[in-house]
C-alpha atoms as a PDB file:
ATOM      1  CA  MET A   1     130.574 110.817 123.671  1.00  0.00           C
ATOM      2  CA  ALA A   2     127.060 109.369 122.663  1.00  0.00           C
ATOM      3  CA  LEU A   3     126.388 107.828 119.399  1.00  0.00           C
ATOM      4  CA  PRO A   4     123.348 109.383 117.644  1.00  0.00           C
ATOM      5  CA  THR A   5     120.215 107.214 117.907  1.00  0.00           C
ATOM      6  CA  ASP A   6     118.103 108.244 114.990  1.00  0.00           C
ATOM      7  CA  ARG A   7     118.770 107.485 111.496  1.00  0.00           C
ATOM      8  CA  THR A   8     118.716 111.276 110.173  1.00  0.00           C
ATOM      9  CA  THR A   9     121.725 112.290 112.395  1.00  0.00           C
ATOM     10  CA  CYS A  10     123.884 109.459 110.746  1.00  0.00           C
ATOM     11  CA  GLY A  11     123.166 110.097 107.100  1.00  0.00           C
ATOM     12  CA  CYS A  12     120.684 107.239 106.354  1.00  0.00           C
ATOM     13  CA  GLU A  13     117.785 109.333 105.405  1.00  0.00           C
ATOM     14  CA  GLN A  14     114.891 107.336 104.564  1.00  0.00           C
ATOM     15  CA  LEU A  15     111.530 108.503 102.847  1.00  0.00           C
ATOM     16  CA  THR A  16     108.281 108.407 104.923  1.00  0.00           C
ATOM     17  CA  ASN A  17     107.432 104.991 103.762  1.00  0.00           C
ATOM     18  CA  GLY A  18     110.427 103.209 104.916  1.00  0.00           C
ATOM     19  CA  ASN A  19     112.027 103.049 101.341  1.00  0.00           C
ATOM     20  CA  MET A  20     115.433 104.575 100.830  1.00  0.00           C
ATOM     21  CA  ALA A  21     115.724 107.347  98.362  1.00  0.00           C
ATOM     22  CA  ASN A  22     116.394 106.622  94.738  1.00  0.00           C
ATOM     23  CA  LYS A  23     120.139 106.855  93.938  1.00  0.00           C
ATOM     24  CA  ASP A  24     121.150 109.715  91.314  1.00  0.00           C
ATOM     25  CA  GLY A  25     122.921 108.896  88.136  1.00  0.00           C
ATOM     26  CA  VAL A  26     121.698 105.286  87.980  1.00  0.00           C
ATOM     27  CA  ILE A  27     120.971 103.981  84.435  1.00  0.00           C
ATOM     28  CA  GLU A  28     117.965 101.339  84.199  1.00  0.00           C
ATOM     29  CA  ILE A  29     117.751  99.640  80.982  1.00  0.00           C
ATOM     30  CA  GLU A  30     116.120  96.387  79.701  1.00  0.00           C
ATOM     31  CA  GLY A  31     117.970  93.481  78.515  1.00  0.00           C
ATOM     32  CA  SER A  32     117.922  89.584  78.088  1.00  0.00           C
ATOM     33  CA  VAL A  33     119.828  87.070  79.831  1.00  0.00           C
ATOM     34  CA  VAL A  34     122.352  85.480  77.362  1.00  0.00           C
ATOM     35  CA  GLU A  35     124.345  83.128  79.855  1.00  0.00           C
ATOM     36  CA  ALA A  36     124.828  82.211  83.464  1.00  0.00           C
ATOM     37  CA  LEU A  37     128.211  82.565  84.839  1.00  0.00           C
ATOM     38  CA  PRO A  38     129.583  81.209  88.025  1.00  0.00           C
ATOM     39  CA  ASN A  39     129.230  83.013  91.391  1.00  0.00           C
ATOM     40  CA  ALA A  40     125.614  84.470  90.396  1.00  0.00           C
ATOM     41  CA  MET A  41     127.064  86.461  87.489  1.00  0.00           C
ATOM     42  CA  PHE A  42     124.946  86.809  84.177  1.00  0.00           C
ATOM     43  CA  ARG A  43     126.013  87.867  80.804  1.00  0.00           C
ATOM     44  CA  VAL A  44     123.225  90.149  79.824  1.00  0.00           C
ATOM     45  CA  GLU A  45     122.567  91.652  76.317  1.00  0.00           C
ATOM     46  CA  LEU A  46     120.837  95.259  76.473  1.00  0.00           C
ATOM     47  CA  ALA A  47     118.118  96.396  74.192  1.00  0.00           C
ATOM     48  CA  ASN A  48     120.769  98.886  72.531  1.00  0.00           C
ATOM     49  CA  GLY A  49     122.843  95.479  71.665  1.00  0.00           C
ATOM     50  CA  HIS A  50     125.699  95.896  74.280  1.00  0.00           C
ATOM     51  CA  LYS A  51     126.543  93.036  76.455  1.00  0.00           C
ATOM     52  CA  VAL A  52     127.323  93.638  80.117  1.00  0.00           C
ATOM     53  CA  LEU A  53     128.285  91.471  83.171  1.00  0.00           C
ATOM     54  CA  ALA A  54     125.441  91.624  85.768  1.00  0.00           C
ATOM     55  CA  HIS A  55     124.972  90.085  89.279  1.00  0.00           C
ATOM     56  CA  ILE A  56     121.564  89.779  91.109  1.00  0.00           C
ATOM     57  CA  SER A  57     120.721  92.466  93.468  1.00  0.00           C
ATOM     58  CA  GLY A  58     120.283  91.529  97.243  1.00  0.00           C
ATOM     59  CA  LYS A  59     116.501  91.539  97.535  1.00  0.00           C
ATOM     60  CA  MET A  60     116.353  89.280  94.402  1.00  0.00           C
ATOM     61  CA  ARG A  61     118.712  86.972  96.286  1.00  0.00           C
ATOM     62  CA  GLN A  62     116.875  87.269  99.532  1.00  0.00           C
ATOM     63  CA  HIS A  63     113.481  86.189  97.954  1.00  0.00           C
ATOM     64  CA  TYR A  64     115.089  83.168  95.931  1.00  0.00           C
ATOM     65  CA  ILE A  65     114.147  84.771  92.229  1.00  0.00           C
ATOM     66  CA  ARG A  66     115.763  82.506  89.814  1.00  0.00           C
ATOM     67  CA  ILE A  67     117.118  83.871  86.671  1.00  0.00           C
ATOM     68  CA  LEU A  68     117.604  81.590  83.594  1.00  0.00           C
ATOM     69  CA  PRO A  69     119.438  82.147  80.169  1.00  0.00           C
ATOM     70  CA  GLU A  70     116.417  83.986  77.790  1.00  0.00           C
ATOM     71  CA  ASP A  71     114.764  85.882  80.734  1.00  0.00           C
ATOM     72  CA  ARG A  72     114.112  89.339  80.199  1.00  0.00           C
ATOM     73  CA  VAL A  73     115.427  91.641  83.021  1.00  0.00           C
ATOM     74  CA  ILE A  74     115.865  95.414  84.141  1.00  0.00           C
ATOM     75  CA  VAL A  75     119.563  96.108  84.651  1.00  0.00           C
ATOM     76  CA  GLU A  76     120.856  99.063  86.590  1.00  0.00           C
ATOM     77  CA  LEU A  77     124.154 100.464  85.557  1.00  0.00           C
ATOM     78  CA  SER A  78     126.210 102.806  87.317  1.00  0.00           C
ATOM     79  CA  PRO A  79     127.656 105.719  85.609  1.00  0.00           C
ATOM     80  CA  TYR A  80     131.393 105.015  86.430  1.00  0.00           C
ATOM     81  CA  ASP A  81     131.509 101.663  84.805  1.00  0.00           C
ATOM     82  CA  LEU A  82     128.947 100.669  81.872  1.00  0.00           C
ATOM     83  CA  SER A  83     130.168  97.334  81.512  1.00  0.00           C
ATOM     84  CA  ARG A  84     128.760  96.173  84.775  1.00  0.00           C
ATOM     85  CA  GLY A  85     125.410  96.030  86.226  1.00  0.00           C
ATOM     86  CA  ARG A  86     123.150  94.633  88.754  1.00  0.00           C
ATOM     87  CA  ILE A  87     119.663  92.975  87.912  1.00  0.00           C
ATOM     88  CA  VAL A  88     117.055  94.427  89.737  1.00  0.00           C
ATOM     89  CA  TYR A  89     113.969  92.949  88.182  1.00  0.00           C
ATOM     90  CA  ARG A  90     112.955  89.860  86.216  1.00  0.00           C
ATOM     91  CA  TYR A  91     109.754  89.954  83.923  1.00  0.00           C
ATOM     92  CA  LYS A  92     107.082  87.064  84.429  1.00  0.00           C
END
């Protein structure tokens, strides 16, 4: 049996410009890095006062974007676990 050759038949649907579609249910919130932890993890204080554990997104890691304490960042939170997140943007 032959495997499907185009991406739309395998469930990896892309938009016309090549970007993957936005994820549903993801919460993006601004925060400030409080401390750097081992294994590229960071403690981030969100704008609403909560502190979460966050890691760097793959694209930021790929482009060697450094995160330091006191940096303002955008964190994506999953609706399933609001105590962990992914850093997706660092303000300049």
